Protein backbone atom coordinates (compact mmCIF):
# COMPACT_ATOMS: atom_id res chain seq x y z
CA MET A 1 -0.09 0.01 0.05
CA ASP A 2 1.29 3.57 -0.90
CA ALA A 3 2.15 5.54 2.20
CA ILE A 4 -0.42 8.36 1.28
CA ASP A 5 -3.05 5.91 0.87
CA ASN A 6 -2.29 4.43 4.27
CA VAL A 7 -2.32 7.92 5.79
CA GLU A 8 -5.75 8.65 4.43
CA GLN A 9 -7.20 5.21 5.42
CA VAL A 10 -5.95 5.91 9.06
CA ARG A 11 -7.25 9.40 9.11
CA GLY A 12 -10.68 8.17 8.13
CA HIS A 13 -10.60 5.35 10.77
CA TYR A 14 -10.14 7.81 13.61
CA HIS A 15 -12.39 10.58 12.33
CA ALA A 16 -14.70 11.49 15.27
CA PRO A 17 -17.32 14.12 14.16
CA ASN A 18 -18.38 16.65 16.73
CA LEU A 19 -16.20 15.12 19.27
CA THR A 20 -15.29 18.26 21.10
CA GLU A 21 -19.02 19.42 21.37
CA ARG A 22 -20.07 16.01 22.68
CA LEU A 23 -17.49 16.00 25.33
CA LYS A 24 -18.27 19.57 26.34
CA ALA A 25 -21.92 18.32 27.01
CA ALA A 26 -20.66 15.19 28.87
CA LEU A 27 -18.06 16.93 31.19
CA PRO A 28 -18.72 19.18 34.27
CA GLN A 29 -18.26 22.81 33.17
CA ASP A 30 -17.79 24.42 36.61
CA GLN A 31 -14.38 22.92 37.57
CA LEU A 32 -10.86 22.52 36.61
CA LEU A 33 -10.10 18.99 35.58
CA THR A 34 -6.92 16.91 36.06
CA PRO A 35 -5.07 14.43 33.73
CA GLN A 36 -5.98 11.72 36.17
CA GLN A 37 -9.68 12.48 36.14
CA LEU A 38 -9.73 12.17 32.37
CA GLY A 39 -7.87 8.81 32.36
CA GLY A 40 -10.81 6.69 31.48
CA LEU A 41 -11.61 8.81 28.56
CA ASP A 42 -8.28 9.88 26.86
CA GLN A 43 -5.94 6.95 27.06
CA PHE A 44 -6.43 5.09 23.75
CA HIS A 45 -4.42 1.91 24.37
CA SER A 46 -4.45 -1.19 26.50
CA ARG A 47 -4.22 -0.86 30.23
CA GLY A 48 -5.02 2.92 29.96
CA LEU A 49 -3.32 5.47 32.33
CA ALA A 50 -1.31 2.58 34.21
CA ALA A 51 0.56 1.79 30.96
CA THR A 52 1.38 5.37 30.22
CA ALA A 53 2.66 5.77 33.73
CA ASP A 54 4.69 2.48 33.50
CA LEU A 55 6.18 3.65 30.18
CA ALA A 56 7.13 7.01 31.44
CA LYS A 57 8.89 5.46 34.40
CA LEU A 58 10.76 3.10 32.19
CA ALA A 59 11.88 5.98 30.05
CA GLU A 60 13.25 7.76 33.19
CA LEU A 61 11.73 11.18 32.18
CA ALA A 62 12.86 14.31 34.02
CA PRO A 63 11.58 17.74 34.44
CA GLY A 64 12.21 20.19 31.70
CA MET A 65 12.50 17.44 29.04
CA ALA A 66 11.03 18.15 25.60
CA VAL A 67 8.84 15.22 24.65
CA LEU A 68 6.99 14.36 21.56
CA ASP A 69 3.88 12.10 21.55
CA VAL A 70 3.45 10.63 18.09
CA GLY A 71 -0.29 9.62 17.48
CA CYS A 72 -1.36 11.51 20.59
CA GLY A 73 -5.05 11.04 20.19
CA ILE A 74 -7.08 13.49 22.39
CA GLY A 75 -3.89 14.20 24.43
CA GLY A 76 -4.15 12.07 27.56
CA PRO A 77 -0.65 10.82 27.74
CA ALA A 78 0.76 14.22 26.82
CA ARG A 79 -1.30 15.92 29.63
CA PHE A 80 -0.09 13.09 32.17
CA LEU A 81 3.66 13.36 31.21
CA ALA A 82 3.48 17.31 31.54
CA ALA A 83 1.57 17.02 34.92
CA VAL A 84 3.57 14.22 36.60
CA HIS A 85 6.95 14.47 35.05
CA GLY A 86 7.25 18.22 34.39
CA CYS A 87 7.92 17.77 30.78
CA ARG A 88 7.10 20.15 27.83
CA VAL A 89 5.13 17.99 25.38
CA ALA A 90 4.11 18.40 21.84
CA GLY A 91 1.56 15.94 20.33
CA VAL A 92 0.78 15.04 16.75
CA ASP A 93 -2.13 13.25 15.28
CA LEU A 94 -3.55 12.59 11.80
CA SER A 95 -7.25 13.16 13.11
CA GLU A 96 -8.27 16.91 13.14
CA SER A 97 -11.21 16.11 15.33
CA PHE A 98 -8.68 14.37 17.89
CA VAL A 99 -6.34 17.42 17.80
CA GLU A 100 -9.17 19.82 18.24
CA THR A 101 -10.43 17.83 21.28
CA ALA A 102 -6.95 17.62 22.71
CA ARG A 103 -6.64 21.32 22.66
CA TYR A 104 -9.99 21.74 24.47
CA LEU A 105 -9.19 19.19 27.09
CA THR A 106 -5.83 20.69 27.72
CA GLY A 107 -7.45 24.04 28.31
CA ARG A 108 -9.76 22.24 30.82
CA THR A 109 -6.75 21.16 32.66
CA ALA A 110 -5.05 24.46 32.52
CA GLN A 111 -1.95 22.97 30.70
CA SER A 112 -1.99 24.90 27.32
CA GLY A 113 1.38 26.56 28.30
CA GLN A 114 3.02 23.34 28.67
CA VAL A 115 1.36 21.08 26.15
CA SER A 116 0.66 21.63 22.51
CA PHE A 117 -0.93 19.75 19.64
CA GLN A 118 -0.99 19.91 15.90
CA VAL A 119 -2.37 17.74 12.86
CA ALA A 120 0.62 15.90 11.26
CA SER A 121 1.75 12.50 10.10
CA ALA A 122 4.21 10.34 11.96
CA LEU A 123 5.95 9.79 8.51
CA GLY A 124 6.63 13.63 8.07
CA LEU A 125 7.03 15.12 11.55
CA PRO A 126 6.81 18.98 11.40
CA PHE A 127 9.94 19.46 13.65
CA GLY A 128 13.61 19.98 13.09
CA ASP A 129 16.38 17.52 13.49
CA ALA A 130 17.30 16.72 17.17
CA ALA A 131 14.34 18.56 18.62
CA PHE A 132 13.26 16.35 21.50
CA ASP A 133 14.78 14.61 24.38
CA ALA A 134 12.15 11.76 24.20
CA VAL A 135 9.54 10.55 21.77
CA PHE A 136 6.47 8.44 22.84
CA LEU A 137 4.46 6.02 20.55
CA GLN A 138 1.63 4.09 22.09
CA HIS A 139 -0.58 1.75 20.09
CA VAL A 140 0.24 3.50 16.79
CA ALA A 141 2.92 1.52 14.81
CA MET A 142 0.35 -1.12 14.07
CA ASN A 143 -1.40 1.46 11.79
CA ILE A 144 1.76 2.10 9.84
CA SER A 145 2.88 -0.07 6.82
CA ASP A 146 6.29 1.74 6.36
CA ARG A 147 7.88 0.92 9.70
CA ALA A 148 11.42 1.86 8.52
CA ARG A 149 10.24 5.30 7.48
CA LEU A 150 8.38 5.72 10.73
CA TYR A 151 11.44 4.90 12.99
CA ARG A 152 13.91 6.83 10.86
CA GLU A 153 11.60 9.97 11.30
CA ILE A 154 11.50 9.37 14.98
CA ARG A 155 15.21 9.02 15.13
CA ARG A 156 15.60 12.22 13.17
CA VAL A 157 13.74 14.35 15.71
CA LEU A 158 15.54 12.87 18.62
CA LYS A 159 18.73 14.27 20.22
CA PRO A 160 21.65 11.77 20.32
CA GLY A 161 21.09 9.87 23.37
CA GLY A 162 17.38 10.70 23.37
CA ARG A 163 14.88 7.99 24.34
CA PHE A 164 12.30 6.47 22.17
CA ALA A 165 9.50 4.87 24.34
CA THR A 166 7.16 2.53 22.64
CA PHE A 167 3.99 0.50 23.67
CA ASP A 168 2.35 -1.32 20.93
CA VAL A 169 0.42 -4.45 19.79
CA VAL A 170 2.60 -7.08 18.24
CA LEU A 171 1.85 -10.19 16.21
CA LYS A 172 2.19 -13.63 17.90
CA ASP A 173 0.39 -16.69 16.54
CA GLY A 174 -2.37 -15.17 14.35
CA GLU A 175 -4.23 -12.14 13.36
CA PRO A 176 -7.15 -10.88 15.51
CA ASN A 177 -10.79 -11.05 14.28
CA PHE A 178 -11.67 -7.69 12.90
CA PRO A 179 -12.76 -4.96 13.64
CA VAL A 180 -10.31 -3.97 16.43
CA PRO A 181 -9.68 -0.55 17.87
CA TRP A 182 -6.91 0.33 15.30
CA ALA A 183 -8.49 -1.08 12.26
CA ARG A 184 -11.97 -2.21 11.12
CA THR A 185 -10.61 -4.41 8.32
CA PRO A 186 -7.35 -6.49 7.96
CA GLU A 187 -6.13 -4.19 5.11
CA ALA A 188 -5.56 -1.34 7.52
CA SER A 189 -3.56 -3.37 10.16
CA PHE A 190 0.20 -3.87 9.94
CA LEU A 191 1.20 -5.94 12.88
CA LEU A 192 4.87 -7.05 13.27
CA THR A 193 6.21 -9.66 15.67
CA ALA A 194 8.23 -8.22 18.74
CA GLU A 195 11.37 -9.52 17.07
CA ALA A 196 10.73 -7.76 13.79
CA THR A 197 9.71 -4.63 15.54
CA ARG A 198 13.00 -4.65 17.45
CA TYR A 199 14.97 -5.19 14.39
CA ALA A 200 13.24 -2.27 12.41
CA ILE A 201 13.91 0.00 15.29
CA GLU A 202 17.48 -0.93 15.66
CA GLN A 203 17.98 -0.56 11.95
CA ALA A 204 16.81 3.15 12.21
CA GLY A 205 19.69 3.98 14.65
CA PHE A 206 18.62 2.87 18.15
CA HIS A 207 19.72 0.45 20.73
CA ALA A 208 17.56 -1.06 23.51
CA ARG A 209 17.55 0.27 27.07
CA ALA A 210 14.58 -1.67 28.33
CA TRP A 211 12.41 -4.44 26.78
CA GLN A 212 9.55 -6.17 28.29
CA ASP A 213 6.47 -8.32 27.17
CA ASP A 214 3.51 -6.61 28.66
CA THR A 215 0.87 -9.30 27.41
CA GLU A 216 0.24 -10.71 30.82
CA ALA A 217 -0.48 -7.40 32.19
CA ALA A 218 -2.74 -6.68 29.32
CA LYS A 219 -4.53 -10.06 29.88
CA ALA A 220 -5.19 -8.92 33.43
CA TRP A 221 -6.57 -5.69 32.41
CA ILE A 222 -8.83 -7.35 29.89
CA MET A 223 -10.23 -9.85 32.63
CA GLN A 224 -10.91 -6.83 34.92
CA MET A 225 -12.69 -5.01 32.24
CA ARG A 226 -14.87 -7.97 31.66
CA GLU A 227 -15.75 -8.30 35.21
CA SER A 228 -16.29 -4.71 36.10
CA GLY A 229 -17.27 -3.04 32.66
CA PRO A 230 -15.99 0.05 31.17
CA PRO A 231 -15.21 3.16 33.40
CA PRO A 232 -18.01 5.66 34.09
CA ALA A 233 -18.99 7.91 31.32
CA PRO A 234 -17.42 9.83 29.59
CA ASN A 235 -15.07 7.14 28.62
CA LEU A 236 -13.52 5.91 25.37
CA GLY A 237 -16.81 4.86 24.05
CA GLN A 238 -17.66 8.41 23.49
CA VAL A 239 -14.51 8.78 21.53
CA VAL A 240 -14.36 5.83 19.34
CA GLY A 241 -18.14 5.24 18.83
CA PRO A 242 -20.91 2.76 19.42
CA ASP A 243 -19.01 -0.13 18.14
CA PHE A 244 -16.16 0.36 20.67
CA PRO A 245 -17.29 -2.67 22.74
CA GLN A 246 -16.93 -5.00 19.76
CA LEU A 247 -13.62 -3.63 18.87
CA LEU A 248 -12.14 -3.85 22.41
CA GLY A 249 -13.64 -7.32 22.75
CA ASN A 250 -11.91 -8.60 19.58
CA MET A 251 -8.64 -7.21 20.71
CA GLY A 252 -9.12 -8.68 24.22
CA ARG A 253 -9.93 -12.07 22.78
CA ALA A 254 -6.90 -12.11 20.56
CA ILE A 255 -4.64 -11.28 23.45
CA VAL A 256 -6.03 -13.83 25.70
CA GLU A 257 -5.87 -16.49 22.97
CA GLY A 258 -2.31 -15.63 22.32
CA ARG A 259 -2.71 -14.46 18.68
CA ILE A 260 -1.44 -11.04 19.51
CA GLY A 261 0.68 -9.57 22.37
CA VAL A 262 1.74 -6.18 23.77
CA LEU A 263 5.29 -4.82 23.80
CA MET A 264 6.73 -2.10 26.07
CA ALA A 265 10.27 -0.87 25.31
CA VAL A 266 12.66 1.98 25.55
CA PHE A 267 15.36 2.62 23.03
CA GLU A 268 18.22 5.17 22.98
CA ALA A 269 19.19 7.02 19.83
CA ALA A 270 22.60 6.35 18.63
CA PHE A 271 25.28 9.12 18.72
């Protein structure tokens, strides 16, 4: 598939009409919100806010770091990294509706001076070389066919010695049943094995600092979700749409059955 076709396909998958207006109606209007309060709504990946917290700890973030969140969604991880770790965070996403909502929610958490968002592709990041101390990529790479280009672009915007923190779905013993949260058809899904993912990242100029299989933790999260149900509204269902339970259920089944897994890793940009 041509890279441009892939971009338009992904943009369409994540299009969320009137999302900001819908969330304005769902959220309380008379109080300042915190990133933690929004955790059930704005963390578009397995294990939610807990996974973002674990990845940030693994990346050893420090106050004042410049961080880029690629595929930022509606901005939950970016707001968390700024609030908890004192980082300056920029987020990019293909979805205009996601970026608009990210800006709105960031205003509601009074973080607009520390966190910013813009519409852009991960394959053509609108930043100069060596602009960031760290790059985060959570449940994004499985939407991108040209992994080599993706990881080279991330390496380009990282300072030498900078950290690339990734948290993504990987292929194990078979494809999931579709639709899933990142793709409604197989043609939009580009899963790699953990080993192939590591090879592609290292070929782009990185070496591993931390590497862990997060699949068992994801299974535990899925089982808890099955028992307790989704978090109170507003939650990810308002963002993704009415078929979100089916998408999440298919992903969860594939993880539990061992067809796909979840990888958490941190790499360092070579000097």
